[in-house]
């Protein structure tokens, strides 16, 4: 005999609980004929009658009474699972695995973690801070934070925009005192620059825009890296000029230890994304983390 459908047993329990096919169909939101057909198919599958149908009422058979005991257990278990899912969505809990760029430490990640764990003490955080691009599905990550102008198409993932980050050139007061403030991007050729290198090792060009004007050049520098955080520290220490996103320089600029260079010129904005496995419904622990991160980013921009 092939396995019995648990759904049909739960429907059977619902019919008995309601007292009639009509009332059960109304409660379950399905046509009475469909419900009756499902129960008849269940009886055929079991090889015995569960209920005796009359125009006035339903009567359980002896076999039906014994089956009803098991059907009600399934009904209770189904209700318990739904209640558990609702509670999980209401109160975040469980393990949350997050992949972040290492430079997120410069965005006061410690405060973010303290706030999250204080609000949601039943969630256990597992953070991976590395430049590698994790495989969310294979490595079972819940969310990854990525910075890019756009992300490659991937049917297994869902990307949600967190914010657009403006990028400009910055230098320290000591550097500008020594080398002067460039008046035009052409003058950058005479300055020490701190270029960013891509994952394949190529130096990324600077593309600057101002009121319809466009300037592009490959910055010349003695230090290249793939770390905006390192570039920021080098700028603060007077090493040269670097292109940095606003959230990473906000505090340094407000403290006067870093100045914007060529403030009328901007580089293309870069978008910060939260990337999750392609599920329609995300656990509340993931939604809560992304929401809090968005709040922190809004406060730093």
Protein backbone atom coordinates (compact mmCIF):
# COMPACT_ATOMS: atom_id res chain seq x y z
CA UNK A 1 0.00 0.00 0.00
CA UNK A 2 1.33 3.44 -0.91
CA UNK A 3 1.80 6.06 1.84
CA UNK A 4 -1.26 7.91 3.12
CA UNK A 5 -1.43 11.65 2.51
CA UNK A 6 -1.21 13.45 5.85
CA UNK A 7 -3.20 16.34 4.39
CA UNK A 8 -6.19 14.09 3.73
CA UNK A 9 -6.12 12.74 7.28
CA UNK A 10 -6.08 16.34 8.58
CA UNK A 11 -9.05 17.10 6.32
CA UNK A 12 -10.84 14.07 7.76
CA UNK A 13 -10.28 15.37 11.29
CA UNK A 14 -11.58 18.76 10.18
CA UNK A 15 -14.78 17.25 8.80
CA UNK A 16 -15.51 15.42 12.04
CA UNK A 17 -14.69 18.51 14.10
CA UNK A 18 -17.07 20.65 12.00
CA UNK A 19 -19.83 18.05 12.06
CA UNK A 20 -20.59 18.20 8.34
CA UNK A 21 -18.89 18.49 4.95
CA UNK A 22 -20.57 21.83 4.31
CA UNK A 23 -19.32 23.44 7.53
CA UNK A 24 -15.84 21.92 7.11
CA UNK A 25 -15.61 23.14 3.52
CA UNK A 26 -16.57 26.63 4.65
CA UNK A 27 -13.91 26.63 7.40
CA UNK A 28 -11.23 25.26 5.10
CA UNK A 29 -12.10 27.53 2.20
CA UNK A 30 -12.57 24.77 -0.36
CA UNK A 31 -15.55 23.49 -2.37
CA UNK A 32 -17.69 20.91 -0.59
CA UNK A 33 -17.44 18.61 -3.61
CA UNK A 34 -13.64 18.70 -3.49
CA UNK A 35 -13.61 17.92 0.22
CA UNK A 36 -16.04 15.04 -0.21
CA UNK A 37 -13.98 13.66 -3.09
CA UNK A 38 -10.78 13.81 -1.01
CA UNK A 39 -12.35 11.89 1.88
CA UNK A 40 -13.81 9.31 -0.52
CA UNK A 41 -10.38 8.85 -2.08
CA UNK A 42 -8.90 8.38 1.41
CA UNK A 43 -11.48 5.69 2.19
CA UNK A 44 -10.73 3.97 -1.10
CA UNK A 45 -7.02 4.10 -0.33
CA UNK A 46 -7.58 2.61 3.15
CA UNK A 47 -10.08 0.05 1.86
CA UNK A 48 -12.66 0.84 4.52
CA UNK A 49 -15.33 3.38 5.29
CA UNK A 50 -14.50 6.16 7.74
CA UNK A 51 -17.92 7.82 7.93
CA UNK A 52 -21.48 6.91 7.10
CA UNK A 53 -23.11 9.78 5.21
CA UNK A 54 -26.80 10.62 5.53
CA UNK A 55 -28.69 13.71 4.52
CA UNK A 56 -28.90 14.82 8.15
CA UNK A 57 -25.58 13.88 9.79
CA UNK A 58 -22.26 12.06 9.67
CA UNK A 59 -21.62 8.92 11.67
CA UNK A 60 -18.18 7.55 12.33
CA UNK A 61 -17.56 3.90 11.64
CA UNK A 62 -15.62 1.82 14.17
CA UNK A 63 -12.62 1.97 11.88
CA UNK A 64 -13.15 5.71 11.44
CA UNK A 65 -13.00 6.24 15.22
CA UNK A 66 -9.61 4.57 15.39
CA UNK A 67 -8.27 6.52 12.40
CA UNK A 68 -9.62 9.77 13.87
CA UNK A 69 -7.30 9.43 16.86
CA UNK A 70 -4.26 9.47 14.55
CA UNK A 71 -5.76 12.17 12.33
CA UNK A 72 -6.23 14.47 15.31
CA UNK A 73 -2.60 13.97 16.32
CA UNK A 74 -1.55 15.05 12.83
CA UNK A 75 -3.91 18.00 13.08
CA UNK A 76 -2.37 19.03 16.41
CA UNK A 77 1.18 18.62 15.07
CA UNK A 78 0.31 20.70 12.02
CA UNK A 79 -1.09 23.46 14.23
CA UNK A 80 2.01 23.30 16.43
CA UNK A 81 4.32 23.70 13.43
CA UNK A 82 2.35 26.72 12.21
CA UNK A 83 2.47 28.22 15.70
CA UNK A 84 6.21 27.61 15.86
CA UNK A 85 6.73 29.27 12.48
CA UNK A 86 4.66 32.26 13.59
CA UNK A 87 6.68 32.53 16.79
CA UNK A 88 9.94 32.25 14.85
CA UNK A 89 8.84 35.14 12.67
CA UNK A 90 7.71 37.12 15.72
CA UNK A 91 10.73 36.47 17.95
CA UNK A 92 14.06 36.06 16.11
CA UNK A 93 16.05 33.04 17.28
CA UNK A 94 18.52 30.47 16.03
CA UNK A 95 21.80 30.79 14.13
CA UNK A 96 22.42 33.74 11.79
CA UNK A 97 25.45 33.45 9.48
CA UNK A 98 26.55 36.74 7.91
CA UNK A 99 29.36 37.45 5.43
CA UNK A 100 30.75 41.00 5.52
CA UNK A 101 33.63 42.85 3.85
CA UNK A 102 36.49 43.23 6.35
CA UNK A 103 36.38 47.04 6.02
CA UNK A 104 33.00 47.03 7.75
CA UNK A 105 34.96 47.24 10.98
CA UNK A 106 35.40 50.92 10.07
CA UNK A 107 31.60 51.39 10.20
CA UNK A 108 31.45 50.67 13.94
CA UNK A 109 30.49 47.04 13.49
CA UNK A 110 30.94 46.46 17.22
CA UNK A 111 28.06 48.80 18.05
CA UNK A 112 25.87 47.10 15.46
CA UNK A 113 26.58 43.68 16.99
CA UNK A 114 25.95 44.91 20.53
CA UNK A 115 22.61 46.44 19.50
CA UNK A 116 21.52 43.33 17.62
CA UNK A 117 22.44 40.85 20.35
CA UNK A 118 20.81 43.08 22.97
CA UNK A 119 17.54 43.25 21.04
CA UNK A 120 17.54 39.59 19.98
CA UNK A 121 19.28 37.56 22.71
CA UNK A 122 18.01 34.24 21.32
CA UNK A 123 19.97 34.66 18.07
CA UNK A 124 23.54 33.36 17.79
CA UNK A 125 25.62 35.42 15.36
CA UNK A 126 28.34 33.89 13.21
CA UNK A 127 30.26 36.54 11.21
CA UNK A 128 32.70 35.99 8.34
CA UNK A 129 34.76 39.12 7.63
CA UNK A 130 36.87 38.39 4.58
CA UNK A 131 37.31 39.74 1.04
CA UNK A 132 36.28 36.44 -0.53
CA UNK A 133 32.87 36.09 -2.16
CA UNK A 134 31.14 33.36 -0.20
CA UNK A 135 28.75 30.87 -1.77
CA UNK A 136 25.61 31.59 0.25
CA UNK A 137 23.80 28.41 -0.76
CA UNK A 138 26.67 25.92 -0.53
CA UNK A 139 28.13 27.43 2.64
CA UNK A 140 24.71 28.00 4.22
CA UNK A 141 25.05 31.73 4.84
CA UNK A 142 21.87 33.66 5.61
CA UNK A 143 23.02 37.01 4.22
CA UNK A 144 26.08 38.60 2.61
CA UNK A 145 26.81 42.32 2.37
CA UNK A 146 28.39 43.30 -0.94
CA UNK A 147 29.50 46.59 -2.49
CA UNK A 148 29.24 46.95 -6.27
CA UNK A 149 27.78 49.21 -8.94
CA UNK A 150 25.72 46.19 -9.99
CA UNK A 151 25.68 42.49 -9.21
CA UNK A 152 25.78 39.61 -11.70
CA UNK A 153 22.52 37.84 -12.42
CA UNK A 154 21.99 34.79 -10.21
CA UNK A 155 18.65 33.02 -10.05
CA UNK A 156 19.53 31.42 -6.71
CA UNK A 157 20.08 34.76 -4.90
CA UNK A 158 18.08 37.89 -4.13
CA UNK A 159 19.85 41.26 -3.85
CA UNK A 160 18.27 44.17 -1.97
CA UNK A 161 19.72 47.67 -2.09
CA UNK A 162 20.83 49.05 1.27
CA UNK A 163 22.17 52.42 0.13
CA UNK A 164 24.10 54.28 -2.56
CA UNK A 165 27.48 55.51 -1.37
CA UNK A 166 29.01 58.68 -2.82
CA UNK A 167 32.74 58.45 -3.53
CA UNK A 168 35.17 61.37 -3.55
CA UNK A 169 38.89 62.01 -3.23
CA UNK A 170 40.41 62.68 0.20
CA UNK A 171 43.76 63.68 1.69
CA UNK A 172 45.09 64.69 5.09
CA UNK A 173 45.83 68.32 6.07
CA UNK A 174 49.52 67.41 6.39
CA UNK A 175 49.66 66.05 2.85
CA UNK A 176 47.84 69.08 1.40
CA UNK A 177 50.10 71.43 3.31
CA UNK A 178 53.11 69.74 1.76
CA UNK A 179 51.90 69.18 -1.81
CA UNK A 180 49.05 71.68 -2.19
CA UNK A 181 45.41 71.23 -3.19
CA UNK A 182 44.95 70.22 -6.85
CA UNK A 183 42.68 72.62 -8.75
CA UNK A 184 41.78 70.21 -11.56
CA UNK A 185 41.93 66.43 -12.06
CA UNK A 186 44.79 66.93 -14.54
CA UNK A 187 46.93 68.02 -11.58
CA UNK A 188 46.52 64.57 -9.96
CA UNK A 189 49.34 63.35 -12.22
CA UNK A 190 51.70 65.42 -10.07
CA UNK A 191 50.40 64.00 -6.78
CA UNK A 192 50.91 60.81 -4.82
CA UNK A 193 47.78 58.72 -5.18
CA UNK A 194 46.63 55.57 -3.42
CA UNK A 195 44.85 53.51 -6.05
CA UNK A 196 42.54 50.60 -5.36
CA UNK A 197 43.27 47.32 -7.09
CA UNK A 198 40.61 44.89 -8.24
CA UNK A 199 40.40 41.19 -7.43
CA UNK A 200 42.41 40.39 -10.58
CA UNK A 201 45.20 42.77 -9.56
CA UNK A 202 44.45 45.58 -12.01
CA UNK A 203 44.63 49.19 -10.87
CA UNK A 204 41.16 50.72 -11.00
CA UNK A 205 41.01 54.02 -12.91
CA UNK A 206 39.48 57.13 -11.41
CA UNK A 207 36.52 58.43 -13.41
CA UNK A 208 35.52 61.91 -12.21
CA UNK A 209 32.39 63.86 -13.14
CA UNK A 210 31.43 67.52 -12.70
CA UNK A 211 28.44 69.20 -14.35
CA UNK A 212 28.67 67.18 -17.53
CA UNK A 213 32.48 67.13 -17.61
CA UNK A 214 34.30 63.82 -17.41
CA UNK A 215 37.90 63.03 -16.54
CA UNK A 216 39.50 59.60 -16.42
CA UNK A 217 42.96 58.56 -15.42
CA UNK A 218 44.88 55.79 -13.72
CA UNK A 219 46.22 57.13 -10.42
CA UNK A 220 49.95 56.88 -9.89
CA UNK A 221 51.04 55.79 -6.44
CA UNK A 222 53.65 53.95 -4.44
CA UNK A 223 51.09 51.91 -2.46
CA UNK A 224 48.19 49.97 -4.00
CA UNK A 225 45.76 47.78 -2.10
CA UNK A 226 42.37 46.11 -2.32
CA UNK A 227 41.36 47.48 1.10
CA UNK A 228 39.48 50.79 1.43
CA UNK A 229 40.13 50.57 5.17
CA UNK A 230 43.89 50.48 4.64
CA UNK A 231 43.68 53.34 2.14
CA UNK A 232 41.76 55.38 4.70
CA UNK A 233 44.50 54.88 7.32
CA UNK A 234 47.21 55.73 4.79
CA UNK A 235 45.39 58.96 3.90
CA UNK A 236 45.07 59.93 7.56
CA UNK A 237 48.81 59.40 7.93
CA UNK A 238 49.64 61.72 5.04
CA UNK A 239 50.62 59.08 2.48
CA UNK A 240 48.59 60.52 -0.41
CA UNK A 241 45.16 60.94 -2.03
CA UNK A 242 42.58 58.13 -2.17
CA UNK A 243 39.05 57.63 -3.45
CA UNK A 244 36.83 56.68 -0.52
CA UNK A 245 33.12 56.22 0.14
CA UNK A 246 31.43 58.77 2.39
CA UNK A 247 30.45 56.37 5.23
CA UNK A 248 34.10 55.38 5.68
CA UNK A 249 35.38 58.96 6.04
CA UNK A 250 32.51 60.72 7.82
CA UNK A 251 34.08 60.73 11.28
CA UNK A 252 37.59 61.58 10.00
CA UNK A 253 36.26 64.55 8.03
CA UNK A 254 34.23 65.81 11.00
CA UNK A 255 37.36 65.58 13.18
CA UNK A 256 39.36 67.58 10.64
CA UNK A 257 41.97 64.88 10.04
CA UNK A 258 40.86 64.37 6.44
CA UNK A 259 39.79 66.86 3.74
CA UNK A 260 37.88 66.37 0.51
CA UNK A 261 40.00 66.94 -2.61
CA UNK A 262 38.35 68.40 -5.72
CA UNK A 263 34.98 68.56 -3.90
CA UNK A 264 33.08 69.55 -7.08
CA UNK A 265 34.18 66.29 -8.74
CA UNK A 266 32.68 62.91 -7.87
CA UNK A 267 33.39 59.32 -8.82
CA UNK A 268 30.51 56.97 -9.76
CA UNK A 269 28.45 55.95 -6.76
CA UNK A 270 28.72 52.42 -5.49
CA UNK A 271 25.77 50.50 -4.10
CA UNK A 272 25.74 48.46 -0.94
CA UNK A 273 23.61 45.32 -1.23
CA UNK A 274 22.28 42.68 1.12
CA UNK A 275 22.28 39.36 -0.71
CA UNK A 276 20.23 36.40 0.51
CA UNK A 277 19.40 32.94 -0.83
CA UNK A 278 16.44 33.05 -3.19
CA UNK A 279 13.69 32.36 -0.71
CA UNK A 280 10.33 34.09 -0.68
CA UNK A 281 10.16 34.22 3.11
CA UNK A 282 13.23 35.17 5.09
CA UNK A 283 13.59 34.29 8.79
CA UNK A 284 12.91 37.19 11.12
CA UNK A 285 16.50 37.04 12.42
CA UNK A 286 17.74 37.88 8.90
CA UNK A 287 15.18 40.63 8.35
CA UNK A 288 16.02 42.15 11.75
CA UNK A 289 19.77 42.19 11.01
CA UNK A 290 19.33 43.82 7.59
CA UNK A 291 16.93 46.39 9.05
CA UNK A 292 19.33 47.32 11.86
CA UNK A 293 22.24 47.52 9.42
CA UNK A 294 20.24 49.88 7.22
CA UNK A 295 19.56 52.07 10.27
CA UNK A 296 23.27 52.18 11.13
CA UNK A 297 24.24 53.03 7.56
CA UNK A 298 21.64 55.79 7.37
CA UNK A 299 23.07 57.24 10.56
CA UNK A 300 26.60 57.23 9.18
CA UNK A 301 25.73 58.80 5.84
